[in-house]
Amino acid sequence: MKFNKPSNAVSVYYPDRDSPVKYEVELSESGAKKGMAIGLLIASRVPNPIFIPVGVVLGGVLGAIFGKAD
């Protein structure tokens, strides 16, 4: 007859080691520049002036993540 291995009352979670899925993202400077330009073009079509800096930042972040790595 086999018994189950005794389990500890306290378990420690290490996020770097115990995470089941790890994503590594390499950011691209040229992709960020292109994304900022595209975000500016799109945001300039919206009549509210607050969308211009939001479009530039959002386009830069998305361009850096999804752009080709340098």
N, C-alpha and C. Protein backbone atom coordinates (compact mmCIF):
# COMPACT_ATOMS: atom_id res chain seq x y z
N MET A 1 0.84 -1.16 0.00
CA MET A 1 0.00 0.00 0.00
C MET A 1 0.90 1.24 0.00
N LYS A 2 0.61 2.20 -0.90
CA LYS A 2 1.39 3.42 -0.99
C LYS A 2 0.59 4.57 -0.41
N PHE A 3 1.28 5.37 0.36
CA PHE A 3 0.65 6.54 0.94
C PHE A 3 1.11 7.78 0.19
N ASN A 4 0.28 8.80 0.23
CA ASN A 4 0.64 10.06 -0.41
C ASN A 4 1.79 10.72 0.33
N LYS A 5 2.59 11.46 -0.42
CA LYS A 5 3.70 12.19 0.18
C LYS A 5 3.13 13.28 1.08
N PRO A 6 3.66 13.43 2.29
CA PRO A 6 3.11 14.47 3.17
C PRO A 6 3.36 15.86 2.59
N SER A 7 2.38 16.70 2.70
CA SER A 7 2.52 18.06 2.17
C SER A 7 2.78 19.02 3.32
N ASN A 8 3.49 20.07 3.02
CA ASN A 8 3.79 21.07 4.03
C ASN A 8 2.55 21.92 4.29
N ALA A 9 2.47 22.43 5.49
CA ALA A 9 1.36 23.29 5.84
C ALA A 9 1.51 24.66 5.19
N VAL A 10 2.75 25.05 4.93
CA VAL A 10 3.01 26.35 4.32
C VAL A 10 3.75 26.13 3.02
N SER A 11 3.31 26.75 1.97
CA SER A 11 4.02 26.67 0.70
C SER A 11 4.42 28.08 0.29
N VAL A 12 5.56 28.19 -0.33
CA VAL A 12 6.08 29.49 -0.75
C VAL A 12 5.95 29.58 -2.27
N TYR A 13 5.45 30.69 -2.73
CA TYR A 13 5.28 30.92 -4.16
C TYR A 13 6.36 31.90 -4.62
N TYR A 14 7.18 31.45 -5.55
CA TYR A 14 8.20 32.30 -6.16
C TYR A 14 7.73 32.67 -7.56
N PRO A 15 7.37 33.94 -7.80
CA PRO A 15 6.80 34.28 -9.10
C PRO A 15 7.76 34.10 -10.27
N ASP A 16 9.05 34.27 -10.04
CA ASP A 16 10.00 34.10 -11.15
C ASP A 16 10.15 32.64 -11.54
N ARG A 17 10.11 31.77 -10.58
CA ARG A 17 10.36 30.36 -10.84
C ARG A 17 9.08 29.55 -11.02
N ASP A 18 8.04 29.87 -10.27
CA ASP A 18 6.83 29.05 -10.25
C ASP A 18 5.78 29.47 -11.26
N SER A 19 6.02 30.52 -12.00
CA SER A 19 5.04 30.97 -12.97
C SER A 19 4.93 29.95 -14.10
N PRO A 20 3.72 29.50 -14.43
CA PRO A 20 3.59 28.47 -15.47
C PRO A 20 3.89 28.99 -16.88
N VAL A 21 3.67 30.27 -17.13
CA VAL A 21 3.88 30.84 -18.46
C VAL A 21 4.74 32.09 -18.31
N LYS A 22 5.80 32.16 -19.09
CA LYS A 22 6.65 33.35 -19.06
C LYS A 22 6.70 33.94 -20.46
N TYR A 23 6.56 35.24 -20.52
CA TYR A 23 6.62 35.95 -21.78
C TYR A 23 7.85 36.85 -21.77
N GLU A 24 8.61 36.79 -22.83
CA GLU A 24 9.73 37.71 -22.97
C GLU A 24 9.47 38.58 -24.19
N VAL A 25 9.58 39.88 -23.99
CA VAL A 25 9.30 40.83 -25.05
C VAL A 25 10.56 41.63 -25.31
N GLU A 26 10.96 41.67 -26.57
CA GLU A 26 12.10 42.49 -26.96
C GLU A 26 11.55 43.75 -27.62
N LEU A 27 11.85 44.90 -27.02
CA LEU A 27 11.30 46.15 -27.51
C LEU A 27 12.12 46.68 -28.68
N SER A 28 11.45 47.34 -29.59
CA SER A 28 12.07 47.84 -30.80
C SER A 28 12.00 49.37 -30.82
N GLU A 29 13.15 50.02 -30.96
CA GLU A 29 13.17 51.48 -31.00
C GLU A 29 12.58 52.01 -32.31
N SER A 30 12.93 51.37 -33.42
CA SER A 30 12.38 51.83 -34.71
C SER A 30 10.88 51.57 -34.78
N GLY A 31 10.43 50.46 -34.20
CA GLY A 31 8.99 50.20 -34.15
C GLY A 31 8.26 51.21 -33.30
N ALA A 32 8.90 51.66 -32.22
CA ALA A 32 8.29 52.68 -31.37
C ALA A 32 8.16 54.01 -32.12
N LYS A 33 9.18 54.36 -32.88
CA LYS A 33 9.11 55.62 -33.65
C LYS A 33 8.01 55.56 -34.70
N LYS A 34 7.91 54.44 -35.40
CA LYS A 34 6.86 54.29 -36.40
C LYS A 34 5.47 54.28 -35.75
N GLY A 35 5.36 53.60 -34.61
CA GLY A 35 4.09 53.56 -33.90
C GLY A 35 3.66 54.92 -33.40
N MET A 36 4.64 55.72 -32.94
CA MET A 36 4.32 57.08 -32.50
C MET A 36 3.79 57.92 -33.66
N ALA A 37 4.42 57.77 -34.82
CA ALA A 37 3.96 58.53 -35.99
C ALA A 37 2.56 58.11 -36.41
N ILE A 38 2.31 56.82 -36.41
CA ILE A 38 0.97 56.32 -36.78
C ILE A 38 -0.06 56.76 -35.74
N GLY A 39 0.31 56.68 -34.46
CA GLY A 39 -0.60 57.12 -33.40
C GLY A 39 -0.92 58.60 -33.50
N LEU A 40 0.08 59.40 -33.88
CA LEU A 40 -0.15 60.84 -34.07
C LEU A 40 -1.10 61.09 -35.23
N LEU A 41 -0.91 60.37 -36.33
CA LEU A 41 -1.79 60.55 -37.49
C LEU A 41 -3.23 60.18 -37.17
N ILE A 42 -3.40 59.10 -36.45
CA ILE A 42 -4.76 58.66 -36.11
C ILE A 42 -5.39 59.62 -35.10
N ALA A 43 -4.61 60.01 -34.09
CA ALA A 43 -5.15 60.89 -33.04
C ALA A 43 -5.44 62.29 -33.56
N SER A 44 -4.76 62.73 -34.60
CA SER A 44 -5.03 64.07 -35.12
C SER A 44 -6.39 64.16 -35.82
N ARG A 45 -6.97 63.03 -36.15
CA ARG A 45 -8.29 63.02 -36.78
C ARG A 45 -9.42 63.17 -35.76
N VAL A 46 -9.11 62.96 -34.48
CA VAL A 46 -10.12 63.07 -33.43
C VAL A 46 -10.22 64.54 -33.01
N PRO A 47 -11.41 65.08 -32.86
CA PRO A 47 -11.54 66.51 -32.58
C PRO A 47 -11.09 66.95 -31.18
N ASN A 48 -10.87 66.06 -30.26
CA ASN A 48 -10.47 66.44 -28.92
C ASN A 48 -8.93 66.49 -28.82
N PRO A 49 -8.34 67.59 -28.33
CA PRO A 49 -6.88 67.71 -28.31
C PRO A 49 -6.18 66.78 -27.32
N ILE A 50 -6.89 66.20 -26.38
CA ILE A 50 -6.25 65.30 -25.41
C ILE A 50 -5.83 63.98 -26.07
N PHE A 51 -6.42 63.65 -27.21
CA PHE A 51 -6.11 62.39 -27.86
C PHE A 51 -4.75 62.38 -28.55
N ILE A 52 -4.18 63.54 -28.83
CA ILE A 52 -2.89 63.58 -29.53
C ILE A 52 -1.77 62.97 -28.66
N PRO A 53 -1.56 63.42 -27.41
CA PRO A 53 -0.51 62.76 -26.62
C PRO A 53 -0.84 61.31 -26.27
N VAL A 54 -2.13 61.03 -26.09
CA VAL A 54 -2.54 59.65 -25.80
C VAL A 54 -2.24 58.76 -27.00
N GLY A 55 -2.53 59.23 -28.19
CA GLY A 55 -2.26 58.45 -29.40
C GLY A 55 -0.77 58.23 -29.62
N VAL A 56 0.04 59.26 -29.32
CA VAL A 56 1.49 59.13 -29.49
C VAL A 56 2.05 58.10 -28.51
N VAL A 57 1.65 58.18 -27.26
CA VAL A 57 2.16 57.23 -26.25
C VAL A 57 1.67 55.82 -26.54
N LEU A 58 0.40 55.68 -26.81
CA LEU A 58 -0.15 54.36 -27.09
C LEU A 58 0.45 53.75 -28.35
N GLY A 59 0.60 54.55 -29.38
CA GLY A 59 1.23 54.06 -30.61
C GLY A 59 2.68 53.69 -30.39
N GLY A 60 3.40 54.48 -29.58
CA GLY A 60 4.80 54.16 -29.29
C GLY A 60 4.96 52.86 -28.53
N VAL A 61 4.11 52.63 -27.55
CA VAL A 61 4.18 51.38 -26.77
C VAL A 61 3.84 50.19 -27.63
N LEU A 62 2.76 50.29 -28.39
CA LEU A 62 2.37 49.17 -29.25
C LEU A 62 3.40 48.92 -30.36
N GLY A 63 3.95 49.99 -30.90
CA GLY A 63 4.98 49.85 -31.92
C GLY A 63 6.25 49.21 -31.37
N ALA A 64 6.61 49.56 -30.15
CA ALA A 64 7.80 48.97 -29.53
C ALA A 64 7.62 47.49 -29.27
N ILE A 65 6.43 47.09 -28.90
CA ILE A 65 6.18 45.68 -28.59
C ILE A 65 6.02 44.86 -29.86
N PHE A 66 5.23 45.34 -30.80
CA PHE A 66 4.92 44.54 -31.99
C PHE A 66 5.80 44.84 -33.20
N GLY A 67 6.65 45.85 -33.09
CA GLY A 67 7.53 46.20 -34.22
C GLY A 67 8.67 45.20 -34.37
N LYS A 68 9.35 45.27 -35.50
CA LYS A 68 10.49 44.38 -35.72
C LYS A 68 11.62 44.75 -34.77
N ALA A 69 12.27 43.73 -34.23
CA ALA A 69 13.37 43.97 -33.31
C ALA A 69 14.57 44.53 -34.06
N ASP A 70 15.25 45.48 -33.45
CA ASP A 70 16.40 46.12 -34.08
C ASP A 70 17.58 45.18 -34.15
